[in-house]
Amino acid sequence: MVKLNNISKSHVIEQEIFIYAEWNLQFTIILAWMNRIFLSLGSNLGDRTRNLKKGISLLEQRVGKPGAISSIYETEPWGCDSDTNFYNQVIELFSHLRPIPLLETIHEIEKLCGRDRSAPRYAPRTLDIDILLYGDAVLNHPRLVIPHPQLQERQFVLVPLTEIAPHMMHPVLNKNMEQLLKACEDDKKILKRLP
């Protein structure tokens, strides 16, 4: 009787391992058909932490499955005069959306989070989302340039991006994020990494 029970338990364990392996393979295949995208999020109006969380939640609902998500970093404003520091974060997403539909969806999400796109370009904002990388794609479109043309000049982008993807290669500059961060001359400080 003990012998039969042992065989039965072993069989169940083998089944569980097989089901997990099969699911994991299917999940990997699905991701292989999706685009690996890196987005930066920034906020310096209202409840900054809440704005970032809402943005990530809407991205998950409307864009695709999240991969790695960086810590939140408090940073000095870049390109504008503001009394309030930014909270910045980078997220990896897997999505079927092509670049322009992705951009349009991002604009909808920013609007839902209170962003006024009629304001000056570098004005304070509730939520700003930028497309940093779209796999190894290089795109020069009147509405969108990929990789983001200022990615390598901004510590507030490179620090969280290096945290989650240090060896990700820039498809134009042929350097990884760690190398770009070391070479970055941006003097705007990363004030602190939030828990």
Protein backbone atom coordinates (compact mmCIF):
# COMPACT_ATOMS: atom_id res chain seq x y z
CA MET A 1 0.00 0.00 0.00
CA VAL A 2 2.81 2.40 0.90
CA LYS A 3 4.47 1.57 -2.39
CA LEU A 4 1.32 2.48 -4.37
CA ASN A 5 0.96 5.77 -2.50
CA ASN A 6 4.58 6.67 -3.25
CA ILE A 7 4.10 5.87 -6.93
CA SER A 8 0.92 7.94 -6.96
CA LYS A 9 2.65 10.96 -5.37
CA SER A 10 5.57 10.67 -7.76
CA HIS A 11 3.19 10.55 -10.72
CA VAL A 12 1.39 13.70 -9.47
CA ILE A 13 4.70 15.55 -9.06
CA GLU A 14 5.79 14.55 -12.58
CA GLN A 15 2.44 15.76 -13.93
CA GLU A 16 2.81 19.10 -12.13
CA ILE A 17 6.34 19.56 -13.49
CA PHE A 18 5.16 18.71 -17.01
CA ILE A 19 2.21 21.15 -16.80
CA TYR A 20 4.50 23.89 -15.46
CA ALA A 21 7.09 23.24 -18.19
CA GLU A 22 4.39 23.25 -20.88
CA TRP A 23 2.89 26.53 -19.55
CA ASN A 24 6.32 28.11 -19.27
CA LEU A 25 7.13 27.16 -22.88
CA GLN A 26 3.81 28.56 -24.11
CA PHE A 27 4.40 31.77 -22.15
CA THR A 28 7.90 32.09 -23.66
CA ILE A 29 6.55 31.55 -27.18
CA ILE A 30 3.86 34.23 -26.63
CA LEU A 31 6.49 36.73 -25.44
CA ALA A 32 8.68 35.89 -28.43
CA TRP A 33 5.87 37.12 -30.71
CA MET A 34 5.55 40.38 -28.80
CA ASN A 35 7.69 43.51 -28.88
CA ARG A 36 10.00 44.24 -25.95
CA ILE A 37 9.52 47.90 -25.10
CA PHE A 38 11.07 50.20 -22.51
CA LEU A 39 9.13 53.26 -21.37
CA SER A 40 10.06 56.03 -18.94
CA LEU A 41 7.46 57.59 -16.66
CA GLY A 42 7.82 60.90 -14.86
CA SER A 43 5.60 63.02 -12.62
CA ASN A 44 6.02 66.29 -10.70
CA LEU A 45 2.41 67.42 -10.16
CA GLY A 46 -0.03 66.09 -7.57
CA ASP A 47 0.57 62.77 -5.85
CA ARG A 48 3.62 61.69 -7.84
CA THR A 49 3.78 58.13 -6.55
CA ARG A 50 0.07 57.61 -7.21
CA ASN A 51 0.43 59.06 -10.73
CA LEU A 52 3.20 56.58 -11.57
CA LYS A 53 1.24 53.64 -10.16
CA LYS A 54 -1.88 54.64 -12.09
CA GLY A 55 0.19 55.02 -15.27
CA ILE A 56 1.70 51.55 -14.89
CA SER A 57 -1.71 50.02 -14.19
CA LEU A 58 -3.17 51.61 -17.34
CA LEU A 59 -0.15 50.52 -19.40
CA GLU A 60 -0.72 46.96 -18.24
CA GLN A 61 -4.41 47.16 -19.19
CA ARG A 62 -3.98 48.87 -22.57
CA VAL A 63 -0.47 48.15 -23.84
CA GLY A 64 0.80 44.78 -22.66
CA LYS A 65 2.37 42.55 -20.07
CA PRO A 66 4.90 44.22 -17.77
CA GLY A 67 8.34 42.72 -17.34
CA ALA A 68 10.84 44.44 -15.06
CA ILE A 69 9.89 47.66 -13.26
CA SER A 70 12.58 49.93 -11.83
CA SER A 71 12.64 51.66 -8.47
CA ILE A 72 11.26 55.20 -8.29
CA TYR A 73 13.91 57.92 -8.32
CA GLU A 74 13.50 61.52 -7.20
CA THR A 75 15.32 63.78 -9.63
CA GLU A 76 15.88 67.44 -10.32
CA PRO A 77 13.70 68.88 -13.12
CA TRP A 78 15.29 68.52 -16.55
CA GLY A 79 14.66 71.19 -19.20
CA CYS A 80 12.30 73.30 -17.08
CA ASP A 81 12.20 75.51 -14.00
CA SER A 82 10.04 73.93 -11.34
CA ASP A 83 9.96 73.99 -7.55
CA THR A 84 8.89 70.36 -7.44
CA ASN A 85 11.26 67.50 -8.22
CA PHE A 86 10.24 64.69 -10.53
CA TYR A 87 9.61 61.10 -9.60
CA ASN A 88 10.92 58.92 -12.43
CA GLN A 89 10.64 55.23 -13.24
CA VAL A 90 11.29 52.87 -16.18
CA ILE A 91 9.14 49.89 -17.12
CA GLU A 92 9.72 46.99 -19.50
CA LEU A 93 6.60 45.88 -21.40
CA PHE A 94 5.80 43.12 -23.89
CA SER A 95 3.21 44.30 -26.40
CA HIS A 96 1.76 43.55 -29.83
CA LEU A 97 1.23 47.29 -30.50
CA ARG A 98 3.21 48.87 -33.32
CA PRO A 99 5.07 52.15 -32.58
CA ILE A 100 2.46 54.73 -33.71
CA PRO A 101 -0.56 52.97 -32.11
CA LEU A 102 1.62 52.61 -29.00
CA LEU A 103 2.30 56.36 -29.00
CA GLU A 104 -1.42 57.12 -29.40
CA THR A 105 -2.29 54.78 -26.53
CA ILE A 106 0.33 56.44 -24.34
CA HIS A 107 -1.18 59.87 -25.08
CA GLU A 108 -4.61 58.54 -24.05
CA ILE A 109 -3.15 57.20 -20.78
CA GLU A 110 -1.41 60.52 -20.05
CA LYS A 111 -4.74 62.32 -20.60
CA LEU A 112 -6.55 59.92 -18.25
CA CYS A 113 -3.91 60.79 -15.63
CA GLY A 114 -4.55 64.54 -16.01
CA ARG A 115 -1.84 65.48 -18.51
CA ASP A 116 -2.51 68.68 -20.46
CA ARG A 117 -0.69 68.31 -23.77
CA SER A 118 -1.43 71.93 -24.72
CA ALA A 119 0.98 73.09 -21.99
CA PRO A 120 4.58 74.05 -22.92
CA ARG A 121 6.82 71.09 -23.75
CA TYR A 122 8.83 71.01 -20.53
CA ALA A 123 6.11 72.27 -18.19
CA PRO A 124 5.34 70.44 -14.92
CA ARG A 125 3.01 67.50 -15.50
CA THR A 126 1.00 64.83 -13.72
CA LEU A 127 2.39 62.11 -15.97
CA ASP A 128 4.84 62.01 -18.85
CA ILE A 129 5.52 58.72 -20.67
CA ASP A 130 8.29 58.40 -23.25
CA ILE A 131 9.12 55.47 -25.52
CA LEU A 132 12.83 54.78 -24.94
CA LEU A 133 13.43 51.55 -26.86
CA TYR A 134 11.28 49.33 -29.03
CA GLY A 135 13.27 46.12 -29.33
CA ASP A 136 16.20 46.89 -31.61
CA ALA A 137 14.02 49.02 -33.94
CA VAL A 138 15.23 52.35 -35.34
CA LEU A 139 12.41 54.66 -36.41
CA ASN A 140 12.47 58.21 -37.78
CA HIS A 141 8.85 59.24 -38.15
CA PRO A 142 7.48 62.81 -38.07
CA ARG A 143 5.63 61.91 -34.85
CA LEU A 144 8.11 59.57 -33.23
CA VAL A 145 11.84 58.83 -33.10
CA ILE A 146 13.07 55.51 -31.67
CA PRO A 147 15.35 55.08 -29.77
CA HIS A 148 14.46 58.23 -27.84
CA PRO A 149 16.92 60.82 -29.20
CA GLN A 150 17.87 62.14 -25.73
CA LEU A 151 18.02 58.83 -23.89
CA GLN A 152 21.83 58.94 -23.57
CA GLU A 153 21.78 62.52 -22.24
CA ARG A 154 19.45 61.98 -19.27
CA GLN A 155 20.49 60.46 -15.96
CA PHE A 156 16.86 60.31 -14.83
CA VAL A 157 16.27 57.83 -17.67
CA LEU A 158 19.59 55.98 -17.67
CA VAL A 159 19.75 55.27 -13.94
CA PRO A 160 16.41 53.38 -13.72
CA LEU A 161 16.93 51.83 -17.17
CA THR A 162 20.37 50.53 -16.14
CA GLU A 163 18.84 49.15 -12.95
CA ILE A 164 16.54 46.80 -14.90
CA ALA A 165 18.42 46.30 -18.21
CA PRO A 166 22.13 47.16 -17.82
CA HIS A 167 23.21 45.07 -20.83
CA MET A 168 20.45 46.22 -23.20
CA MET A 169 22.15 47.56 -26.33
CA HIS A 170 21.35 50.91 -27.89
CA PRO A 171 20.70 49.96 -31.55
CA VAL A 172 22.27 53.15 -32.94
CA LEU A 173 25.11 53.94 -30.52
CA ASN A 174 26.11 50.26 -30.10
CA LYS A 175 26.69 50.66 -26.38
CA ASN A 176 24.79 49.10 -23.52
CA MET A 177 22.91 51.12 -20.89
CA GLU A 178 25.65 50.70 -18.29
CA GLN A 179 28.22 52.16 -20.70
CA LEU A 180 25.91 55.04 -21.65
CA LEU A 181 25.32 55.88 -17.99
CA LYS A 182 29.06 56.00 -17.27
CA ALA A 183 29.56 58.37 -20.24
CA CYS A 184 26.54 60.58 -19.44
CA GLU A 185 27.44 64.20 -18.65
CA ASP A 186 24.03 65.23 -17.32
CA ASP A 187 24.55 67.40 -14.21
CA LYS A 188 20.97 67.05 -12.95
CA LYS A 189 21.17 64.98 -9.79
CA ILE A 190 19.40 61.82 -8.87
CA LEU A 191 18.47 62.91 -5.35
CA LYS A 192 17.35 59.59 -3.95
CA ARG A 193 16.01 56.15 -4.74
CA LEU A 194 12.66 55.59 -3.06
CA PRO A 195 11.90 52.36 -1.23
